[in-house]
Amino acid sequence: MAFSSMKSLGKPVLSFGSSSSGPMKSVLLLLQAQIPYNYRSFSSSSISNQVAETEDDVGAVSSGISRPISEILKELNKKVPDSLVKVRHEDGFSMKYVPWHLVNRILNLHAPEWSGEVRSITYSVDGKSVSVVYRVTLYGTDAEIFRESTGTASVDDTSYGDPVQKAESMAFRRACARFGLGLHLYHEDM
């Protein structure tokens, strides 16, 4: 899948070398490139402090699962800044959403060992639409949890990408919203 290579970008954040110049600088640049400044929940100096503390430990490489699920969910439930929210106009309605690649980056930051998979792809009987079921799994020190959701796209819609890609993107974002990521967009007008 397209996001697999992006997911692996989150892993070096927890696999620090003993040098604080080369690898550390690369990790900081990677994080800065992945998430716009106003969504980062910590500064690069706090990352440096966390790395220094990690390097002072026994020196064992972390598996990447470093926080309990409750802490991960707390971060994911924060309101996504307006600068990351896009608006799409369809059939006379305006819909706010966070693009899938930004959702992916946010997951990489707060839950670097997350995983995602397409569970099914189903075409409607009349062949006019396709539905995708997508599962996102978060791994914490105390548990692993998953959420699934669906996305459906019209086969005739050629506005961007292919129908399966659109349905997968929608299902992915919705599964993440079930963890709280961008959930406020679904009810902010109420």
Protein backbone atom coordinates (compact mmCIF):
# COMPACT_ATOMS: atom_id res chain seq x y z
CA MET A 1 0.00 0.00 0.00
CA ALA A 2 1.04 3.57 -0.53
CA PHE A 3 1.29 4.42 3.15
CA SER A 4 3.61 1.56 4.07
CA SER A 5 6.75 3.47 3.17
CA MET A 6 5.48 6.52 5.05
CA LYS A 7 4.78 4.42 8.16
CA SER A 8 8.35 3.26 8.30
CA LEU A 9 9.44 6.87 8.57
CA GLY A 10 8.06 6.98 12.11
CA LYS A 11 10.27 4.17 13.39
CA PRO A 12 13.63 6.03 13.50
CA VAL A 13 12.12 8.42 16.04
CA LEU A 14 12.51 5.72 18.68
CA SER A 15 15.70 4.09 17.39
CA PHE A 16 18.37 6.59 18.34
CA GLY A 17 22.10 6.06 17.97
CA SER A 18 24.68 7.06 20.51
CA SER A 19 25.69 10.19 18.60
CA SER A 20 23.59 13.30 19.19
CA SER A 21 24.71 15.07 16.05
CA GLY A 22 24.25 12.96 12.88
CA PRO A 23 21.36 10.58 13.57
CA MET A 24 19.68 12.96 15.99
CA LYS A 25 19.71 15.81 13.52
CA SER A 26 18.22 13.50 10.87
CA VAL A 27 15.43 12.47 13.23
CA LEU A 28 14.60 16.08 14.07
CA LEU A 29 14.54 17.05 10.41
CA LEU A 30 12.35 14.04 9.66
CA LEU A 31 9.83 15.02 12.31
CA GLN A 32 9.82 18.65 11.20
CA ALA A 33 9.20 17.60 7.60
CA GLN A 34 6.38 15.26 8.55
CA ILE A 35 4.12 17.45 10.68
CA PRO A 36 3.42 21.15 10.18
CA TYR A 37 4.84 23.22 13.02
CA ASN A 38 1.52 24.17 14.60
CA TYR A 39 0.48 20.53 15.13
CA ARG A 40 3.62 19.35 16.88
CA SER A 41 2.83 18.72 20.51
CA PHE A 42 6.45 19.16 21.55
CA SER A 43 9.42 21.20 20.47
CA SER A 44 12.61 19.91 18.95
CA SER A 45 14.42 20.77 22.18
CA SER A 46 12.09 18.51 24.15
CA ILE A 47 12.78 15.75 21.62
CA SER A 48 16.51 16.30 22.21
CA ASN A 49 15.95 16.01 25.97
CA GLN A 50 13.95 12.81 25.52
CA VAL A 51 16.69 11.38 23.34
CA ALA A 52 19.37 12.32 25.85
CA GLU A 53 17.40 10.53 28.58
CA THR A 54 17.00 7.49 26.32
CA GLU A 55 20.71 7.42 25.53
CA ASP A 56 21.53 7.50 29.26
CA ASP A 57 19.47 4.36 29.77
CA VAL A 58 20.88 0.89 29.32
CA GLY A 59 21.24 1.54 25.60
CA ALA A 60 18.71 -1.04 24.48
CA VAL A 61 16.88 -0.20 21.28
CA SER A 62 13.18 0.40 21.88
CA SER A 63 10.63 -1.68 20.05
CA GLY A 64 8.79 1.55 19.26
CA ILE A 65 5.89 0.81 21.57
CA SER A 66 6.65 3.29 24.28
CA ARG A 67 3.35 4.63 25.65
CA PRO A 68 0.08 3.29 26.99
CA ILE A 69 -2.97 3.41 24.70
CA SER A 70 -4.63 6.09 26.87
CA GLU A 71 -1.78 8.53 26.18
CA ILE A 72 -1.84 7.81 22.44
CA LEU A 73 -5.61 8.33 22.30
CA LYS A 74 -5.32 11.57 24.28
CA GLU A 75 -2.96 12.96 21.62
CA LEU A 76 -5.08 11.73 18.72
CA ASN A 77 -8.21 13.33 20.19
CA LYS A 78 -6.76 16.83 20.05
CA LYS A 79 -8.39 19.17 17.57
CA VAL A 80 -6.62 19.16 14.22
CA PRO A 81 -5.53 22.71 13.35
CA ASP A 82 -7.55 24.48 10.67
CA SER A 83 -4.43 24.82 8.53
CA LEU A 84 -4.47 21.02 7.98
CA VAL A 85 -8.18 20.83 7.18
CA LYS A 86 -9.27 20.88 3.53
CA VAL A 87 -12.73 21.53 2.09
CA ARG A 88 -14.25 19.54 -0.76
CA HIS A 89 -17.44 20.58 -2.58
CA GLU A 90 -19.67 17.79 -3.86
CA ASP A 91 -23.31 17.83 -4.92
CA GLY A 92 -23.85 21.31 -3.48
CA PHE A 93 -22.40 20.41 -0.06
CA SER A 94 -19.12 21.43 1.53
CA MET A 95 -17.23 18.78 3.45
CA LYS A 96 -14.24 19.35 5.71
CA TYR A 97 -11.62 16.62 5.90
CA VAL A 98 -7.98 15.96 6.71
CA PRO A 99 -6.12 14.45 3.74
CA TRP A 100 -5.09 10.83 4.26
CA HIS A 101 -1.37 11.59 4.00
CA LEU A 102 -1.60 14.07 6.89
CA VAL A 103 -3.61 11.58 8.96
CA ASN A 104 -0.84 9.09 8.22
CA ARG A 105 1.83 11.52 9.45
CA ILE A 106 -0.10 12.32 12.62
CA LEU A 107 -0.37 8.58 13.37
CA ASN A 108 3.37 8.20 12.71
CA LEU A 109 4.07 10.92 15.26
CA HIS A 110 1.78 9.78 18.07
CA ALA A 111 1.58 6.01 17.46
CA PRO A 112 4.68 5.07 15.45
CA GLU A 113 3.94 1.35 15.54
CA TRP A 114 0.41 1.59 14.13
CA SER A 115 -0.66 -0.67 11.31
CA GLY A 116 -3.37 -0.53 8.69
CA GLU A 117 -4.87 -2.98 6.26
CA VAL A 118 -7.61 -3.25 3.68
CA ARG A 119 -10.01 -5.92 4.93
CA SER A 120 -12.26 -6.10 1.89
CA ILE A 121 -13.06 -4.48 -1.44
CA THR A 122 -16.63 -4.93 -2.65
CA TYR A 123 -18.27 -3.68 -5.83
CA SER A 124 -22.00 -3.00 -5.77
CA VAL A 125 -24.28 -5.38 -7.63
CA ASP A 126 -24.91 -2.79 -10.34
CA GLY A 127 -21.16 -2.05 -10.59
CA LYS A 128 -21.64 1.67 -9.99
CA SER A 129 -19.79 1.92 -6.67
CA VAL A 130 -17.02 0.27 -4.71
CA SER A 131 -16.72 -0.05 -0.93
CA VAL A 132 -13.57 -0.68 1.08
CA VAL A 133 -13.33 -1.83 4.69
CA TYR A 134 -10.13 -0.62 6.37
CA ARG A 135 -8.67 -1.54 9.78
CA VAL A 136 -6.26 0.63 11.78
CA THR A 137 -4.51 -0.96 14.78
CA LEU A 138 -2.73 1.02 17.51
CA TYR A 139 -0.13 -0.64 19.73
CA GLY A 140 0.54 0.60 23.25
CA THR A 141 2.56 -0.72 26.15
CA ASP A 142 -0.63 -1.96 27.82
CA ALA A 143 -2.80 -3.07 24.90
CA GLU A 144 -3.44 -3.06 21.20
CA ILE A 145 -6.74 -1.83 19.82
CA PHE A 146 -8.22 -1.58 16.36
CA ARG A 147 -11.03 0.24 14.62
CA GLU A 148 -12.57 -0.53 11.24
CA SER A 149 -14.60 1.62 8.93
CA THR A 150 -15.88 1.72 5.38
CA GLY A 151 -15.54 4.11 2.49
CA THR A 152 -17.56 4.09 -0.71
CA ALA A 153 -16.85 5.79 -4.02
CA SER A 154 -18.70 6.00 -7.30
CA VAL A 155 -17.02 4.21 -10.17
CA ASP A 156 -18.05 7.10 -12.45
CA ASP A 157 -16.36 9.78 -10.30
CA THR A 158 -13.14 10.74 -12.07
CA SER A 159 -12.34 13.89 -10.07
CA TYR A 160 -9.13 12.42 -8.63
CA GLY A 161 -7.60 8.96 -8.35
CA ASP A 162 -9.36 5.71 -9.03
CA PRO A 163 -12.53 4.65 -7.16
CA VAL A 164 -10.80 2.02 -4.99
CA GLN A 165 -8.16 4.54 -3.95
CA LYS A 166 -10.86 7.07 -3.00
CA ALA A 167 -12.85 4.51 -1.03
CA GLU A 168 -9.70 3.30 0.77
CA SER A 169 -8.71 6.86 1.69
CA MET A 170 -12.18 7.56 3.04
CA ALA A 171 -12.25 4.31 5.04
CA PHE A 172 -8.77 5.00 6.46
CA ARG A 173 -9.74 8.51 7.62
CA ARG A 174 -12.98 7.23 9.14
CA ALA A 175 -11.22 4.40 11.00
CA CYS A 176 -8.81 6.98 12.42
CA ALA A 177 -11.74 9.20 13.40
CA ARG A 178 -13.02 6.29 15.48
CA PHE A 179 -9.88 6.77 17.59
CA GLY A 180 -10.70 10.50 17.77
CA LEU A 181 -8.37 11.82 15.07
CA GLY A 182 -10.27 14.59 13.30
CA LEU A 183 -13.53 13.47 14.89
CA HIS A 184 -14.45 17.08 15.64
CA LEU A 185 -14.92 17.67 11.89
CA TYR A 186 -17.94 15.36 11.89
CA HIS A 187 -19.89 17.36 14.44
CA GLU A 188 -18.49 20.89 14.65
CA ASP A 189 -21.46 22.44 12.81
CA MET A 190 -23.97 21.02 15.32
